[in-house]
C-alpha atoms as a PDB file:
ATOM      1  CA  MET A   1       5.357  -2.325 -20.415  1.00  0.00           C
ATOM      2  CA  PRO A   2       1.976  -2.062 -18.574  1.00  0.00           C
ATOM      3  CA  VAL A   3       1.577   0.940 -16.120  1.00  0.00           C
ATOM      4  CA  VAL A   4       0.037   0.681 -12.741  1.00  0.00           C
ATOM      5  CA  THR A   5      -0.667   3.192 -10.685  1.00  0.00           C
ATOM      6  CA  PHE A   6      -1.055   2.809  -6.982  1.00  0.00           C
ATOM      7  CA  TYR A   7      -3.463   5.414  -4.736  1.00  0.00           C
ATOM      8  CA  ASP A   8      -3.396   5.992  -1.821  1.00  0.00           C
ATOM      9  CA  THR A   9      -0.036   4.267  -0.617  1.00  0.00           C
ATOM     10  CA  LYS A  10       0.978   3.975   2.576  1.00  0.00           C
ATOM     11  CA  PRO A  11       4.571   2.489   3.869  1.00  0.00           C
ATOM     12  CA  TYR A  12       3.072  -0.533   4.469  1.00  0.00           C
ATOM     13  CA  ASP A  13       1.400  -0.691   0.935  1.00  0.00           C
ATOM     14  CA  ARG A  14       4.655   0.484  -0.843  1.00  0.00           C
ATOM     15  CA  GLU A  15       6.835  -2.985   1.672  1.00  0.00           C
ATOM     16  CA  TYR A  16       3.557  -5.636   0.921  1.00  0.00           C
ATOM     17  CA  ILE A  17       2.444  -4.364  -2.572  1.00  0.00           C
ATOM     18  CA  GLY A  18       5.210  -2.430  -4.205  1.00  0.00           C
ATOM     19  CA  ALA A  19       8.087  -5.715  -3.101  1.00  0.00           C
ATOM     20  CA  MET A  20       5.330  -8.097  -4.641  1.00  0.00           C
ATOM     21  CA  LEU A  21       4.472  -6.524  -8.071  1.00  0.00           C
ATOM     22  CA  ALA A  22       8.505  -4.976  -8.515  1.00  0.00           C
ATOM     23  CA  ASN A  23       9.355  -8.455  -8.576  1.00  0.00           C
ATOM     24  CA  ALA A  24       6.223  -8.933 -11.872  1.00  0.00           C
ATOM     25  CA  THR A  25       8.362  -8.914 -14.806  1.00  0.00           C
ATOM     26  CA  GLY A  26       7.476  -6.250 -17.253  1.00  0.00           C
ATOM     27  CA  VAL A  27       5.568  -4.281 -15.038  1.00  0.00           C
ATOM     28  CA  GLU A  28       5.995  -0.463 -14.132  1.00  0.00           C
ATOM     29  CA  LEU A  29       5.040   0.772 -10.936  1.00  0.00           C
ATOM     30  CA  ARG A  30       3.404   4.377  -9.898  1.00  0.00           C
ATOM     31  CA  LEU A  31       2.935   4.931  -5.874  1.00  0.00           C
ATOM     32  CA  LEU A  32       1.219   7.600  -5.559  1.00  0.00           C
ATOM     33  CA  GLU A  33       0.502   8.934  -1.774  1.00  0.00           C
ATOM     34  CA  PHE A  34      -2.165  10.650  -2.578  1.00  0.00           C
ATOM     35  CA  ARG A  35      -6.234   9.892  -3.051  1.00  0.00           C
ATOM     36  CA  LEU A  36      -7.718   9.154  -6.533  1.00  0.00           C
ATOM     37  CA  THR A  37     -10.208  12.236  -6.992  1.00  0.00           C
ATOM     38  CA  GLU A  38     -11.307  14.368 -10.030  1.00  0.00           C
ATOM     39  CA  ALA A  39      -8.757  16.436  -9.228  1.00  0.00           C
ATOM     40  CA  SER A  40      -6.032  13.711  -9.213  1.00  0.00           C
ATOM     41  CA  VAL A  41      -7.389  11.583 -12.197  1.00  0.00           C
ATOM     42  CA  GLU A  42      -4.915  13.760 -14.440  1.00  0.00           C
ATOM     43  CA  THR A  43      -2.551  11.185 -12.802  1.00  0.00           C
ATOM     44  CA  ALA A  44      -3.842   7.908 -13.850  1.00  0.00           C
ATOM     45  CA  ARG A  45      -2.774   8.966 -17.956  1.00  0.00           C
ATOM     46  CA  GLY A  46      -0.879   6.310 -19.946  1.00  0.00           C
ATOM     47  CA  SER A  47      -2.057   3.989 -16.466  1.00  0.00           C
ATOM     48  CA  ALA A  48      -3.004  -0.025 -18.128  1.00  0.00           C
ATOM     49  CA  ALA A  49      -4.411  -0.316 -14.330  1.00  0.00           C
ATOM     50  CA  VAL A  50      -5.699   1.889 -11.096  1.00  0.00           C
ATOM     51  CA  CYS A  51      -5.660   0.281  -7.594  1.00  0.00           C
ATOM     52  CA  LEU A  52      -7.713   1.852  -5.801  1.00  0.00           C
ATOM     53  CA  PHE A  53      -8.076   1.517  -1.916  1.00  0.00           C
ATOM     54  CA  VAL A  54     -11.091   2.814  -0.231  1.00  0.00           C
ATOM     55  CA  ASN A  55     -11.391   6.540   0.198  1.00  0.00           C
ATOM     56  CA  ASP A  56      -9.965   6.593  -3.472  1.00  0.00           C
ATOM     57  CA  ARG A  57     -13.089   7.917  -5.717  1.00  0.00           C
ATOM     58  CA  ALA A  58     -14.412   6.181  -8.836  1.00  0.00           C
ATOM     59  CA  ASP A  59     -17.598   7.670  -9.841  1.00  0.00           C
ATOM     60  CA  ARG A  60     -19.165   8.303 -13.306  1.00  0.00           C
ATOM     61  CA  ALA A  61     -17.574  11.213 -13.667  1.00  0.00           C
ATOM     62  CA  ILE A  62     -13.964   9.734 -12.817  1.00  0.00           C
ATOM     63  CA  LEU A  63     -14.249   6.712 -14.520  1.00  0.00           C
ATOM     64  CA  ALA A  64     -14.955   8.190 -17.866  1.00  0.00           C
ATOM     65  CA  LYS A  65     -11.785  10.466 -17.490  1.00  0.00           C
ATOM     66  CA  LEU A  66     -10.167   7.108 -16.873  1.00  0.00           C
ATOM     67  CA  ALA A  67     -12.214   4.902 -19.482  1.00  0.00           C
ATOM     68  CA  ALA A  68     -11.072   7.766 -21.936  1.00  0.00           C
ATOM     69  CA  MET A  69      -7.335   7.960 -20.950  1.00  0.00           C
ATOM     70  CA  GLY A  70      -6.890   3.680 -21.669  1.00  0.00           C
ATOM     71  CA  VAL A  71      -7.646   2.787 -17.913  1.00  0.00           C
ATOM     72  CA  LYS A  72      -9.387  -0.644 -18.973  1.00  0.00           C
ATOM     73  CA  HIS A  73      -9.155  -2.365 -14.973  1.00  0.00           C
ATOM     74  CA  ILE A  74      -9.447  -1.066 -11.335  1.00  0.00           C
ATOM     75  CA  ALA A  75      -7.967  -3.274  -8.877  1.00  0.00           C
ATOM     76  CA  LEU A  76      -9.381  -2.477  -5.598  1.00  0.00           C
ATOM     77  CA  ARG A  77      -7.064  -3.729  -2.388  1.00  0.00           C
ATOM     78  CA  CYS A  78      -9.883  -3.843   0.258  1.00  0.00           C
ATOM     79  CA  ALA A  79     -13.240  -6.000   0.352  1.00  0.00           C
ATOM     80  CA  GLY A  80     -15.459  -2.959   0.233  1.00  0.00           C
ATOM     81  CA  PHE A  81     -16.730  -1.343  -3.144  1.00  0.00           C
ATOM     82  CA  ASN A  82     -19.056   1.340  -2.522  1.00  0.00           C
ATOM     83  CA  ASN A  83     -16.683   3.455  -3.962  1.00  0.00           C
ATOM     84  CA  VAL A  84     -16.749   2.749  -7.328  1.00  0.00           C
ATOM     85  CA  ASP A  85     -19.976   3.388  -9.729  1.00  0.00           C
ATOM     86  CA  LEU A  86     -20.340  -0.153 -10.738  1.00  0.00           C
ATOM     87  CA  LEU A  87     -22.735   0.826 -13.164  1.00  0.00           C
ATOM     88  CA  ALA A  88     -20.831   3.218 -14.316  1.00  0.00           C
ATOM     89  CA  ALA A  89     -17.265   0.845 -15.105  1.00  0.00           C
ATOM     90  CA  ARG A  90     -19.580  -1.330 -17.039  1.00  0.00           C
ATOM     91  CA  GLU A  91     -20.787   1.093 -19.272  1.00  0.00           C
ATOM     92  CA  VAL A  92     -17.219   2.216 -19.956  1.00  0.00           C
ATOM     93  CA  GLY A  93     -15.564  -0.939 -20.020  1.00  0.00           C
ATOM     94  CA  ILE A  94     -13.144  -1.112 -16.738  1.00  0.00           C
ATOM     95  CA  ALA A  95     -12.771  -4.262 -15.679  1.00  0.00           C
ATOM     96  CA  VAL A  96     -13.608  -4.011 -11.819  1.00  0.00           C
ATOM     97  CA  THR A  97     -11.947  -6.916  -8.944  1.00  0.00           C
ATOM     98  CA  ARG A  98     -11.741  -6.414  -5.324  1.00  0.00           C
ATOM     99  CA  VAL A  99      -9.996  -8.182  -2.308  1.00  0.00           C
ATOM    100  CA  PRO A 100     -12.952 -10.296  -1.029  1.00  0.00           C
ATOM    101  CA  ALA A 101     -11.343 -12.068   2.112  1.00  0.00           C
ATOM    102  CA  TYR A 102      -7.718 -11.465   3.498  1.00  0.00           C
ATOM    103  CA  SER A 103      -7.324 -11.809   6.825  1.00  0.00           C
ATOM    104  CA  PRO A 104     -11.377 -11.846   8.568  1.00  0.00           C
ATOM    105  CA  HIS A 105      -9.740 -12.908  12.122  1.00  0.00           C
ATOM    106  CA  ALA A 106      -7.577  -9.673  11.413  1.00  0.00           C
ATOM    107  CA  VAL A 107     -11.011  -7.537  11.915  1.00  0.00           C
ATOM    108  CA  ALA A 108     -12.982  -9.990  14.794  1.00  0.00           C
ATOM    109  CA  GLU A 109      -9.881 -10.094  16.541  1.00  0.00           C
ATOM    110  CA  HIS A 110      -9.784  -6.320  16.553  1.00  0.00           C
ATOM    111  CA  THR A 111     -14.089  -5.748  17.899  1.00  0.00           C
ATOM    112  CA  ILE A 112     -12.967  -8.031  20.516  1.00  0.00           C
ATOM    113  CA  ALA A 113      -9.966  -5.685  21.487  1.00  0.00           C
ATOM    114  CA  LEU A 114     -12.119  -2.809  21.064  1.00  0.00           C
ATOM    115  CA  LEU A 115     -14.753  -4.212  23.094  1.00  0.00           C
ATOM    116  CA  LEU A 116     -12.508  -5.232  25.636  1.00  0.00           C
ATOM    117  CA  THR A 117     -10.499  -1.911  25.914  1.00  0.00           C
ATOM    118  CA  LEU A 118     -13.861  -0.174  25.878  1.00  0.00           C
ATOM    119  CA  ASN A 119     -15.340  -2.119  28.827  1.00  0.00           C
ATOM    120  CA  ARG A 120     -12.296  -2.480  30.900  1.00  0.00           C
ATOM    121  CA  LYS A 121     -11.045   0.668  30.611  1.00  0.00           C
ATOM    122  CA  ILE A 122      -7.520  -0.789  29.447  1.00  0.00           C
ATOM    123  CA  HIS A 123      -6.478   2.961  27.198  1.00  0.00           C
ATOM    124  CA  ARG A 124      -7.743   4.900  30.551  1.00  0.00           C
ATOM    125  CA  ALA A 125      -5.902   2.029  32.791  1.00  0.00           C
ATOM    126  CA  TYR A 126      -2.457   2.652  30.859  1.00  0.00           C
ATOM    127  CA  ASN A 127      -2.861   6.366  30.089  1.00  0.00           C
ATOM    128  CA  ARG A 128      -2.920   6.699  34.483  1.00  0.00           C
ATOM    129  CA  VAL A 129      -0.270   4.469  34.884  1.00  0.00           C
ATOM    130  CA  ARG A 130       2.309   6.042  32.625  1.00  0.00           C
ATOM    131  CA  GLU A 131       1.610   9.207  35.039  1.00  0.00           C
ATOM    132  CA  HIS A 132       2.263   6.828  37.965  1.00  0.00           C
ATOM    133  CA  ASN A 133      -1.585   7.014  38.989  1.00  0.00           C
ATOM    134  CA  PHE A 134      -2.700   2.977  40.512  1.00  0.00           C
ATOM    135  CA  ALA A 135      -5.931   4.253  41.727  1.00  0.00           C
ATOM    136  CA  LEU A 136      -8.856   2.253  40.222  1.00  0.00           C
ATOM    137  CA  ALA A 137     -11.595   5.084  40.982  1.00  0.00           C
ATOM    138  CA  GLY A 138     -13.723   5.592  37.534  1.00  0.00           C
ATOM    139  CA  LEU A 139     -12.063   1.939  35.614  1.00  0.00           C
ATOM    140  CA  VAL A 140     -15.224  -0.472  37.118  1.00  0.00           C
ATOM    141  CA  GLY A 141     -16.536  -2.637  33.891  1.00  0.00           C
ATOM    142  CA  PHE A 142     -18.877  -5.391  33.453  1.00  0.00           C
ATOM    143  CA  ASP A 143     -18.139  -9.275  32.640  1.00  0.00           C
ATOM    144  CA  LEU A 144     -19.087 -10.400  29.261  1.00  0.00           C
ATOM    145  CA  HIS A 145     -19.764 -14.070  30.448  1.00  0.00           C
ATOM    146  CA  GLY A 146     -23.433 -13.828  30.559  1.00  0.00           C
ATOM    147  CA  LYS A 147     -24.376 -11.050  28.427  1.00  0.00           C
ATOM    148  CA  THR A 148     -26.875 -11.460  25.571  1.00  0.00           C
ATOM    149  CA  VAL A 149     -24.467 -10.056  22.197  1.00  0.00           C
ATOM    150  CA  GLY A 150     -25.909  -9.351  18.925  1.00  0.00           C
ATOM    151  CA  ILE A 151     -24.272  -9.777  15.906  1.00  0.00           C
ATOM    152  CA  VAL A 152     -25.663  -7.959  12.513  1.00  0.00           C
ATOM    153  CA  GLY A 153     -23.929  -9.626   9.448  1.00  0.00           C
ATOM    154  CA  THR A 154     -22.594 -13.196   9.394  1.00  0.00           C
ATOM    155  CA  GLY A 155     -20.882 -13.390   6.816  1.00  0.00           C
ATOM    156  CA  LYS A 156     -16.589 -14.515   6.827  1.00  0.00           C
ATOM    157  CA  ILE A 157     -15.750 -11.701   9.571  1.00  0.00           C
ATOM    158  CA  GLY A 158     -19.497 -11.611  11.550  1.00  0.00           C
ATOM    159  CA  ARG A 159     -19.092 -15.590  11.577  1.00  0.00           C
ATOM    160  CA  ILE A 160     -15.987 -15.680  13.852  1.00  0.00           C
ATOM    161  CA  VAL A 161     -16.633 -12.438  16.196  1.00  0.00           C
ATOM    162  CA  ALA A 162     -19.989 -14.743  17.344  1.00  0.00           C
ATOM    163  CA  GLN A 163     -17.786 -17.627  17.633  1.00  0.00           C
ATOM    164  CA  ILE A 164     -15.599 -15.829  19.943  1.00  0.00           C
ATOM    165  CA  PHE A 165     -18.084 -14.437  21.867  1.00  0.00           C
ATOM    166  CA  ARG A 166     -19.634 -18.045  22.246  1.00  0.00           C
ATOM    167  CA  GLY A 167     -15.955 -18.790  24.029  1.00  0.00           C
ATOM    168  CA  PHE A 168     -16.798 -15.698  26.659  1.00  0.00           C
ATOM    169  CA  ASP A 169     -20.046 -18.113  27.719  1.00  0.00           C
ATOM    170  CA  THR A 170     -22.160 -15.336  26.495  1.00  0.00           C
ATOM    171  CA  ARG A 171     -25.446 -15.648  24.397  1.00  0.00           C
ATOM    172  CA  VAL A 172     -25.451 -15.122  20.330  1.00  0.00           C
ATOM    173  CA  LEU A 173     -28.071 -13.732  18.732  1.00  0.00           C
ATOM    174  CA  ALA A 174     -27.438 -12.731  14.979  1.00  0.00           C
ATOM    175  CA  CYS A 175     -29.644 -11.568  12.138  1.00  0.00           C
ATOM    176  CA  ASP A 176     -28.660 -11.713   8.262  1.00  0.00           C
ATOM    177  CA  VAL A 177     -31.115 -11.672   5.166  1.00  0.00           C
ATOM    178  CA  ALA A 178     -29.203 -14.691   4.923  1.00  0.00           C
ATOM    179  CA  PRO A 179     -29.395 -16.777   8.223  1.00  0.00           C
ATOM    180  CA  ASP A 180     -27.494 -19.762   8.310  1.00  0.00           C
ATOM    181  CA  GLY A 181     -29.650 -22.231  10.746  1.00  0.00           C
ATOM    182  CA  ALA A 182     -26.869 -25.301  10.302  1.00  0.00           C
ATOM    183  CA  TRP A 183     -23.469 -22.841  11.287  1.00  0.00           C
ATOM    184  CA  ALA A 184     -26.049 -21.036  13.980  1.00  0.00           C
ATOM    185  CA  MET A 185     -26.703 -24.656  14.879  1.00  0.00           C
ATOM    186  CA  THR A 186     -23.344 -25.813  15.169  1.00  0.00           C
ATOM    187  CA  HIS A 187     -21.878 -22.814  17.382  1.00  0.00           C
ATOM    188  CA  GLY A 188     -25.024 -22.591  19.944  1.00  0.00           C
ATOM    189  CA  ILE A 189     -26.461 -18.900  18.220  1.00  0.00           C
ATOM    190  CA  GLY A 190     -29.912 -18.064  17.387  1.00  0.00           C
ATOM    191  CA  TYR A 191     -31.195 -15.952  14.824  1.00  0.00           C
ATOM    192  CA  THR A 192     -33.344 -13.118  15.230  1.00  0.00           C
ATOM    193  CA  SER A 193     -34.920 -10.026  13.512  1.00  0.00           C
ATOM    194  CA  LEU A 194     -33.309  -6.799  14.112  1.00  0.00           C
ATOM    195  CA  HIS A 195     -35.935  -5.400  15.655  1.00  0.00           C
ATOM    196  CA  GLU A 196     -35.881  -8.373  18.763  1.00  0.00           C
ATOM    197  CA  LEU A 197     -31.660  -8.817  18.453  1.00  0.00           C
ATOM    198  CA  LEU A 198     -31.689  -4.449  18.979  1.00  0.00           C
ATOM    199  CA  ALA A 199     -33.811  -5.413  22.144  1.00  0.00           C
ATOM    200  CA  GLN A 200     -32.607  -7.812  23.648  1.00  0.00           C
ATOM    201  CA  SER A 201     -28.768  -7.642  23.201  1.00  0.00           C
ATOM    202  CA  ASP A 202     -26.132  -5.648  25.775  1.00  0.00           C
ATOM    203  CA  ILE A 203     -23.839  -5.666  22.975  1.00  0.00           C
ATOM    204  CA  VAL A 204     -24.309  -4.803  19.449  1.00  0.00           C
ATOM    205  CA  SER A 205     -21.148  -5.292  16.758  1.00  0.00           C
ATOM    206  CA  LEU A 206     -22.102  -4.757  13.070  1.00  0.00           C
ATOM    207  CA  HIS A 207     -20.550  -7.091  10.311  1.00  0.00           C
ATOM    208  CA  THR A 208     -22.568  -5.817   7.046  1.00  0.00           C
ATOM    209  CA  PRO A 209     -21.880  -4.359   4.155  1.00  0.00           C
ATOM    210  CA  LEU A 210     -22.899  -0.986   3.353  1.00  0.00           C
ATOM    211  CA  THR A 211     -26.028  -1.338   1.115  1.00  0.00           C
ATOM    212  CA  THR A 212     -29.138   0.982   0.414  1.00  0.00           C
ATOM    213  CA  ALA A 213     -30.240  -0.861   2.728  1.00  0.00           C
ATOM    214  CA  THR A 214     -27.953  -0.437   4.988  1.00  0.00           C
ATOM    215  CA  HIS A 215     -27.014   3.002   4.970  1.00  0.00           C
ATOM    216  CA  HIS A 216     -27.522   4.758   8.133  1.00  0.00           C
ATOM    217  CA  LEU A 217     -29.163   1.174   9.413  1.00  0.00           C
ATOM    218  CA  ILE A 218     -28.443   2.354  13.046  1.00  0.00           C
ATOM    219  CA  ASN A 219     -30.348   5.813  13.382  1.00  0.00           C
ATOM    220  CA  ALA A 220     -32.892   7.403  16.261  1.00  0.00           C
ATOM    221  CA  ASP A 221     -35.362   4.976  15.844  1.00  0.00           C
ATOM    222  CA  THR A 222     -33.179   1.564  15.699  1.00  0.00           C
ATOM    223  CA  LEU A 223     -31.257   3.218  18.743  1.00  0.00           C
ATOM    224  CA  ALA A 224     -34.177   4.086  20.604  1.00  0.00           C
ATOM    225  CA  LEU A 225     -34.775   0.318  20.547  1.00  0.00           C
ATOM    226  CA  MET A 226     -31.472  -0.812  22.455  1.00  0.00           C
ATOM    227  CA  LYS A 227     -30.995  -1.725  25.617  1.00  0.00           C
ATOM    228  CA  ARG A 228     -30.501   0.866  27.940  1.00  0.00           C
ATOM    229  CA  GLY A 229     -26.600   1.404  28.738  1.00  0.00           C
ATOM    230  CA  ALA A 230     -26.344  -1.252  25.872  1.00  0.00           C
ATOM    231  CA  TYR A 231     -22.657  -0.950  23.551  1.00  0.00           C
ATOM    232  CA  LEU A 232     -22.454  -0.726  20.450  1.00  0.00           C
ATOM    233  CA  VAL A 233     -19.346  -2.266  18.273  1.00  0.00           C
ATOM    234  CA  ASN A 234     -18.622  -0.989  14.260  1.00  0.00           C
ATOM    235  CA  THR A 235     -16.043  -2.069  12.307  1.00  0.00           C
ATOM    236  CA  SER A 236     -17.587  -2.514   9.297  1.00  0.00           C
ATOM    237  CA  ARG A 237     -18.323   0.473   7.628  1.00  0.00           C
ATOM    238  CA  GLY A 238     -18.288   3.937   8.790  1.00  0.00           C
ATOM    239  CA  LYS A 239     -22.160   5.275   7.029  1.00  0.00           C
ATOM    240  CA  LEU A 240     -24.184   2.012   8.642  1.00  0.00           C
ATOM    241  CA  VAL A 241     -24.418   4.407  11.828  1.00  0.00           C
ATOM    242  CA  GLU A 242     -26.017   8.315  11.518  1.00  0.00           C
ATOM    243  CA  THR A 243     -23.753  10.157  13.429  1.00  0.00           C
ATOM    244  CA  ALA A 244     -25.444  12.690  14.742  1.00  0.00           C
ATOM    245  CA  ALA A 245     -28.267  10.037  16.345  1.00  0.00           C
ATOM    246  CA  LEU A 246     -25.549   8.297  17.855  1.00  0.00           C
ATOM    247  CA  ILE A 247     -24.100  11.591  19.747  1.00  0.00           C
ATOM    248  CA  LYS A 248     -27.664  12.150  21.330  1.00  0.00           C
ATOM    249  CA  ALA A 249     -27.767   8.406  22.567  1.00  0.00           C
ATOM    250  CA  LEU A 250     -24.965   8.675  24.325  1.00  0.00           C
ATOM    251  CA  LYS A 251     -25.434  12.270  26.028  1.00  0.00           C
ATOM    252  CA  SER A 252     -29.002  10.476  26.893  1.00  0.00           C
ATOM    253  CA  ARG A 253     -27.277   7.451  28.204  1.00  0.00           C
ATOM    254  CA  GLN A 254     -29.323   5.341  25.908  1.00  0.00           C
ATOM    255  CA  LEU A 255     -25.881   3.719  24.735  1.00  0.00           C
ATOM    256  CA  GLY A 256     -23.332   2.996  27.542  1.00  0.00           C
ATOM    257  CA  GLY A 257     -20.433   2.652  24.967  1.00  0.00           C
ATOM    258  CA  VAL A 258     -19.399   2.826  21.223  1.00  0.00           C
ATOM    259  CA  ALA A 259     -16.607   1.616  19.798  1.00  0.00           C
ATOM    260  CA  LEU A 260     -15.661   2.757  16.124  1.00  0.00           C
ATOM    261  CA  ASP A 261     -12.758   1.244  14.070  1.00  0.00           C
ATOM    262  CA  VAL A 262     -14.982   3.451  11.076  1.00  0.00           C
ATOM    263  CA  TYR A 263     -16.971   6.531  10.968  1.00  0.00           C
ATOM    264  CA  GLU A 264     -19.536   7.823   8.004  1.00  0.00           C
ATOM    265  CA  GLU A 265     -17.075  11.196   7.134  1.00  0.00           C
ATOM    266  CA  GLU A 266     -13.907   9.424   7.631  1.00  0.00           C
ATOM    267  CA  GLU A 267     -12.157  10.050   3.853  1.00  0.00           C
ATOM    268  CA  GLY A 268      -9.569  12.922   4.384  1.00  0.00           C
ATOM    269  CA  VAL A 269      -8.863  12.229   8.230  1.00  0.00           C
ATOM    270  CA  PHE A 270      -8.394   8.240   8.821  1.00  0.00           C
ATOM    271  CA  PHE A 271      -5.164   7.248   7.619  1.00  0.00           C
ATOM    272  CA  GLU A 272      -3.925  10.975   8.289  1.00  0.00           C
ATOM    273  CA  ASP A 273      -2.000  12.782  10.678  1.00  0.00           C
ATOM    274  CA  LEU A 274      -3.361  15.226  11.654  1.00  0.00           C
ATOM    275  CA  SER A 275      -1.783  16.288  14.933  1.00  0.00           C
ATOM    276  CA  GLY A 276      -0.708  19.429  14.094  1.00  0.00           C
ATOM    277  CA  VAL A 277      -3.887  20.912  13.027  1.00  0.00           C
ATOM    278  CA  VAL A 278      -7.327  22.221  14.056  1.00  0.00           C
ATOM    279  CA  LEU A 279      -9.866  18.774  13.663  1.00  0.00           C
ATOM    280  CA  GLN A 280     -12.488  20.259  11.228  1.00  0.00           C
ATOM    281  CA  ASP A 281     -15.458  17.636  11.868  1.00  0.00           C
ATOM    282  CA  ASP A 282     -17.030  18.921  14.751  1.00  0.00           C
ATOM    283  CA  GLU A 283     -19.343  15.237  15.227  1.00  0.00           C
ATOM    284  CA  LEU A 284     -16.116  13.190  14.838  1.00  0.00           C
ATOM    285  CA  SER A 285     -14.730  16.118  17.460  1.00  0.00           C
ATOM    286  CA  ARG A 286     -17.516  15.882  19.919  1.00  0.00           C
ATOM    287  CA  LEU A 287     -17.637  11.571  20.053  1.00  0.00           C
ATOM    288  CA  LEU A 288     -13.863  12.096  20.690  1.00  0.00           C
ATOM    289  CA  THR A 289     -14.810  14.126  24.180  1.00  0.00           C
ATOM    290  CA  PHE A 290     -16.725  11.209  25.508  1.00  0.00           C
ATOM    291  CA  PRO A 291     -15.395   8.540  28.135  1.00  0.00           C
ATOM    292  CA  ASN A 292     -16.831   6.083  26.876  1.00  0.00           C
ATOM    293  CA  VAL A 293     -15.831   6.256  22.918  1.00  0.00           C
ATOM    294  CA  LEU A 294     -13.281   4.375  21.872  1.00  0.00           C
ATOM    295  CA  VAL A 295     -12.295   5.562  18.660  1.00  0.00           C
ATOM    296  CA  THR A 296      -9.453   3.608  16.110  1.00  0.00           C
ATOM    297  CA  SER A 297      -8.992   4.835  13.029  1.00  0.00           C
ATOM    298  CA  HIS A 298      -9.454   1.990  10.034  1.00  0.00           C
ATOM    299  CA  GLN A 299      -6.668  -0.367  11.798  1.00  0.00           C
ATOM    300  CA  ALA A 300      -8.970  -3.261  12.364  1.00  0.00           C
ATOM    301  CA  PHE A 301      -7.445  -5.105   8.769  1.00  0.00           C
ATOM    302  CA  LEU A 302      -3.904  -4.261   9.628  1.00  0.00           C
ATOM    303  CA  THR A 303      -2.219  -7.708  10.286  1.00  0.00           C
ATOM    304  CA  ALA A 304       0.768  -8.874   8.841  1.00  0.00           C
ATOM    305  CA  GLU A 305      -1.148 -12.090   7.663  1.00  0.00           C
ATOM    306  CA  ALA A 306      -4.087  -9.836   5.794  1.00  0.00           C
ATOM    307  CA  LEU A 307      -1.709  -7.090   4.427  1.00  0.00           C
ATOM    308  CA  ARG A 308       0.247 -10.394   2.758  1.00  0.00           C
ATOM    309  CA  GLU A 309      -2.970 -11.536   1.505  1.00  0.00           C
ATOM    310  CA  ILE A 310      -4.470  -8.261   0.305  1.00  0.00           C
ATOM    311  CA  ALA A 311      -0.764  -8.103  -1.854  1.00  0.00           C
ATOM    312  CA  PHE A 312      -1.512 -11.443  -2.958  1.00  0.00           C
ATOM    313  CA  ALA A 313      -4.808 -10.858  -4.097  1.00  0.00           C
ATOM    314  CA  THR A 314      -4.361  -7.538  -5.851  1.00  0.00           C
ATOM    315  CA  VAL A 315      -1.024  -8.627  -7.596  1.00  0.00           C
ATOM    316  CA  GLU A 316      -3.252 -11.730  -9.132  1.00  0.00           C
ATOM    317  CA  ASN A 317      -5.902  -9.612 -10.157  1.00  0.00           C
ATOM    318  CA  LEU A 318      -3.776  -7.423 -11.692  1.00  0.00           C
ATOM    319  CA  GLN A 319      -1.361 -10.189 -13.112  1.00  0.00           C
ATOM    320  CA  ARG A 320      -4.818 -11.931 -14.206  1.00  0.00           C
ATOM    321  CA  GLY A 321      -5.643  -8.480 -16.162  1.00  0.00           C
ATOM    322  CA  PHE A 322      -2.124  -8.619 -17.972  1.00  0.00           C
ATOM    323  CA  ARG A 323      -2.568 -12.427 -19.429  1.00  0.00           C
ATOM    324  CA  GLY A 324      -6.174 -11.317 -20.654  1.00  0.00           C
ATOM    325  CA  ALA A 325      -8.209 -12.632 -17.781  1.00  0.00           C
ATOM    326  CA  ASP A 326     -11.848 -12.362 -19.773  1.00  0.00           C
ATOM    327  CA  PHE A 327     -13.272  -9.946 -16.856  1.00  0.00           C
ATOM    328  CA  LEU A 328     -16.747  -8.666 -17.431  1.00  0.00           C
ATOM    329  CA  PRO A 329     -16.194  -4.072 -16.446  1.00  0.00           C
ATOM    330  CA  GLY A 330     -17.596  -3.423 -13.784  1.00  0.00           C
ATOM    331  CA  THR A 331     -19.072  -7.053 -12.292  1.00  0.00           C
ATOM    332  CA  ASN A 332     -15.631  -8.979 -10.880  1.00  0.00           C
ATOM    333  CA  LEU A 333     -16.200  -8.709  -6.946  1.00  0.00           C
ATOM    334  CA  THR A 334     -16.014 -12.409  -6.356  1.00  0.00           C
END
C-alpha cells in the first residue's frame, strides 16, 4: 500500500484533500502539521510520495534524502514551485507535479477586496463602529473610476484582475513577457513597458511568477519610477518586492498605500497563530505599524471552490503517479 506524507497541513487541507484521498483505495495517509525541512525530512521515510505546500522546502540536500528513502513523487498542492530545486529533482529521479490553476477568480477577487478595503478604510471603519465611534474623519478614500491601473503579469489571474478593474471604468495598462494582443484589444487594455506602466499608474497590481528575473522586481529604483502617492498591491509572490525599499517608500510618502497578501520572509509566520509571542521579523513588524498598509496572511486562494480544485488536482496527480504515469522527473509542472 503506497504511503503519501502531507506536510504543513491545516484543518482545511484535512477536510478537502484528506477526505478525498481517504476514499481512494489502497492509499495510506500521513497528515503532518509541520513543514518539510532538513530537520523533518526523516518523517518521509516509507513514503512513495510527499505532498508539499508553499513554505515547505525541497532543496538539493532534502531531495537527495527523499530519493534515498524511495520517494518518487513530490505533489505540490499549489501553483508556485520556487521552493523546489527542479534540476536536483530531475537528477535524483523525483517527479514534481503541481496545481497550475485552481481558482484564479479567488486570487483575483481577493486582490480587488484588498484594494477596496485599504482605499476606503473599511478595516478601520469596522473597528471604529464596533467601539461605537461613528465619526468619519480620517476615512477619506478615492474613486477608482477614471484612475489608471497597471497589471504586471497577465496570466490567468492577472487577466481576471484587469477585466474586473475595467468594470470600475478605469484605464488599465499591462506588461508581460508574452503579451496577448487579442485579449487586450477585446477588453480595452493597453500593453506597455514596465517603466511606462509604473510611471503612469495610480494603482499597480503584481501577478507575475517568481523567477530570477522577477526577484525584487519592485525595489528602490522601480519604486522611484512610480507616481507619488500610488498604491501597490501584491497577491502573487512575496519576493517580488524588496521589503526594505518598500518601507522607505512608505516613510517618504512615495507610496500612498500598500496591500499585501504575500511577504518575502513569510515562512514561519504566515499560516501560523503567533498572537501569544513577540514577532521576530522587524521589517514585517514595521510594515504593520503603517496606517496605509493592509496585510493578509496568504489567504487569497482560500475559497471553497479553490480548495476543492486543489484537492481534486492534487489527488489526480498522486493517483496518476501510482498508476505508473510516465512522469519525467522534475518537469511535470503544466
